[in-house]
Amino acid sequence: MYDQYKPRHPLAWGIIAGIALFSAVAIGAMQGWLPVGDNLIGPKACAECAVVESIKTIEIPAAALAAEPAATETPAVAETPAIAETPAVPPEDAAAPEQVAAVAYSYETTVRFEDGTTGVFSQVDPPTWQAGDKVRVVDGEILVQG
C-alpha cells in the first residue's frame, strides 16, 4: 500500500509555486532589493542639485565704485560689494602721507547641475564652499549640502 507513489495534482503545484513567488517578491520589496512605489523608474533627478566647478574672485577698483556703482553690480547681486581698505604704497620719492585705496571683491561661482547645464552665480560675501563641493541652488542662492 505504501509502495505506490501518487504524484500531486498539477493545480496543487501551481498554488505552491504562486505562494513561493509571491513570498519572494514581498521579501525582496521589504528588504529594498526591488523598486517600490515612486522608484519604479529609478531615482528622480534633483533639479536644484549641482557641483561647484569653479570660484572666481573679481577685484573691483575704488574708482569704478565711485564712478558708476550700478555698472559693477550683476543682476544676481542685490547689494553693493563689501569694501576692504588696503594701504596703497606711495612712491619712494614722494613725502605725502600714506593713502588708502578702497578695493571691493565680488565672487563668481560656476556650478554644474545634474542635468548637465551650468550656471554662474555672483555674490559679495566670500563663499563657504570649494570646487567639487555638492550644493543646491534655491532661488539663486547656493546652499552647501551636508
Protein backbone atom coordinates (compact mmCIF):
# COMPACT_ATOMS: atom_id res chain seq x y z
CA MET A 1 0.00 0.00 0.00
CA TYR A 2 2.78 2.43 0.85
CA ASP A 3 4.84 1.24 -2.08
CA GLN A 4 2.80 3.16 -4.58
CA TYR A 5 3.82 6.74 -5.32
CA LYS A 6 0.99 9.06 -6.19
CA PRO A 7 2.05 12.41 -7.75
CA ARG A 8 0.45 15.64 -6.59
CA HIS A 9 -2.19 17.25 -8.64
CA PRO A 10 -0.94 19.95 -11.12
CA LEU A 11 -3.23 22.50 -9.53
CA ALA A 12 -1.50 21.95 -6.18
CA TRP A 13 1.91 22.56 -7.80
CA GLY A 14 0.59 25.81 -9.29
CA ILE A 15 -0.66 27.00 -5.93
CA ILE A 16 2.64 26.13 -4.24
CA ALA A 17 4.64 27.94 -6.96
CA GLY A 18 2.36 31.01 -6.72
CA ILE A 19 2.77 31.24 -2.95
CA ALA A 20 6.56 30.87 -3.26
CA LEU A 21 6.76 33.57 -5.96
CA PHE A 22 4.52 35.97 -4.03
CA SER A 23 6.61 35.44 -0.88
CA ALA A 24 9.87 36.04 -2.75
CA VAL A 25 8.59 39.29 -4.25
CA ALA A 26 7.25 40.51 -0.89
CA ILE A 27 10.52 39.74 0.90
CA GLY A 28 12.53 41.43 -1.88
CA ALA A 29 10.39 44.55 -1.72
CA MET A 30 10.65 44.76 2.07
CA GLN A 31 14.43 44.32 2.00
CA GLY A 32 14.83 47.02 -0.66
CA TRP A 33 16.02 44.60 -3.33
CA LEU A 34 13.13 45.55 -5.62
CA PRO A 35 11.93 49.03 -6.59
CA VAL A 36 8.76 50.09 -4.80
CA GLY A 37 6.37 53.00 -5.36
CA ASP A 38 7.95 56.08 -7.00
CA ASN A 39 11.25 54.25 -7.53
CA LEU A 40 9.82 52.03 -10.25
CA ILE A 41 11.56 54.07 -12.95
CA GLY A 42 14.69 54.89 -10.96
CA PRO A 43 15.64 57.80 -8.77
CA LYS A 44 14.39 61.22 -9.85
CA ALA A 45 16.94 63.85 -10.79
CA CYS A 46 17.26 66.76 -8.39
CA ALA A 47 16.63 69.94 -10.37
CA GLU A 48 18.40 72.15 -7.84
CA CYS A 49 21.39 69.88 -7.06
CA ALA A 50 24.77 70.84 -8.51
CA VAL A 51 28.53 70.56 -8.10
CA VAL A 52 30.78 73.63 -7.80
CA GLU A 53 33.08 73.78 -10.83
CA SER A 54 34.99 76.99 -10.14
CA ILE A 55 35.09 80.09 -7.96
CA LYS A 56 36.43 83.30 -9.44
CA THR A 57 37.39 86.32 -7.31
CA ILE A 58 36.76 89.63 -9.05
CA GLU A 59 38.52 92.74 -7.75
CA ILE A 60 36.61 95.96 -8.32
CA PRO A 61 38.76 99.11 -8.04
CA ALA A 62 37.55 102.03 -5.92
CA ALA A 63 37.41 104.32 -8.97
CA ALA A 64 34.84 102.03 -10.59
CA LEU A 65 32.76 102.00 -7.39
CA ALA A 66 32.77 105.80 -7.08
CA ALA A 67 32.20 106.49 -10.77
CA GLU A 68 29.30 104.19 -11.52
CA PRO A 69 28.24 101.73 -8.81
CA ALA A 70 25.32 100.35 -10.83
CA ALA A 71 27.67 99.21 -13.58
CA THR A 72 29.68 97.00 -11.22
CA GLU A 73 26.69 95.08 -9.92
CA THR A 74 25.48 91.99 -11.69
CA PRO A 75 21.74 91.25 -11.77
CA ALA A 76 22.23 88.39 -9.28
CA VAL A 77 23.83 90.73 -6.69
CA ALA A 78 21.27 92.88 -4.93
CA GLU A 79 23.61 94.66 -2.52
CA THR A 80 26.77 96.66 -3.05
CA PRO A 81 30.10 94.84 -2.74
CA ALA A 82 31.92 94.93 0.59
CA ILE A 83 34.85 97.35 0.64
CA ALA A 84 38.16 96.29 2.14
CA GLU A 85 40.66 99.03 2.80
CA THR A 86 44.24 98.27 1.85
CA PRO A 87 47.07 100.76 2.11
CA ALA A 88 48.47 101.92 -1.21
CA VAL A 89 52.24 102.05 -1.48
CA PRO A 90 53.35 105.66 -2.11
CA PRO A 91 56.26 106.37 -4.46
CA GLU A 92 59.57 106.37 -2.64
CA ASP A 93 60.44 109.96 -3.60
CA ALA A 94 57.08 111.35 -2.50
CA ALA A 95 56.80 112.74 1.00
CA ALA A 96 52.99 112.56 1.02
CA PRO A 97 51.26 110.72 3.87
CA GLU A 98 50.14 107.14 3.27
CA GLN A 99 47.00 106.96 1.15
CA VAL A 100 44.31 104.33 1.46
CA ALA A 101 42.81 102.72 -1.67
CA ALA A 102 39.42 101.03 -1.38
CA VAL A 103 39.02 97.71 -3.17
CA ALA A 104 35.81 95.70 -3.43
CA TYR A 105 35.57 92.00 -4.16
CA SER A 106 32.87 90.01 -5.86
CA TYR A 107 32.81 86.23 -6.23
CA GLU A 108 31.50 84.31 -9.27
CA THR A 109 30.70 80.66 -8.67
CA THR A 110 30.15 78.33 -11.62
CA VAL A 111 28.09 75.21 -10.87
CA ARG A 112 27.13 72.21 -13.00
CA PHE A 113 23.62 70.88 -12.42
CA GLU A 114 22.73 67.17 -12.56
CA ASP A 115 21.10 67.62 -15.96
CA GLY A 116 24.43 68.86 -17.38
CA THR A 117 23.66 72.57 -17.60
CA THR A 118 25.84 75.17 -15.91
CA GLY A 119 25.01 78.32 -14.01
CA VAL A 120 27.08 81.29 -12.85
CA PHE A 121 26.12 83.00 -9.60
CA SER A 122 27.63 86.21 -8.19
CA GLN A 123 27.79 87.20 -4.57
CA VAL A 124 29.56 89.70 -2.37
CA ASP A 125 30.40 87.51 0.61
CA PRO A 126 33.31 85.06 0.34
CA PRO A 127 31.92 81.61 -0.49
CA THR A 128 31.87 78.87 2.13
CA TRP A 129 32.26 76.12 -0.49
CA GLN A 130 35.11 74.90 -2.68
CA ALA A 131 35.39 73.48 -6.17
CA GLY A 132 33.99 69.95 -6.16
CA ASP A 133 31.51 70.51 -3.32
CA LYS A 134 27.92 69.32 -3.77
CA VAL A 135 25.49 72.21 -3.43
CA ARG A 136 21.84 73.10 -4.01
CA VAL A 137 20.70 76.27 -5.75
CA VAL A 138 17.47 77.63 -4.27
CA ASP A 139 16.09 80.97 -5.51
CA GLY A 140 19.51 81.98 -6.88
CA GLU A 141 21.27 81.24 -3.58
CA ILE A 142 23.88 78.49 -3.27
CA LEU A 143 23.48 76.21 -0.25
CA VAL A 144 26.05 73.59 0.77
CA GLN A 145 24.66 70.07 1.07
CA GLY A 146 25.62 68.49 4.36
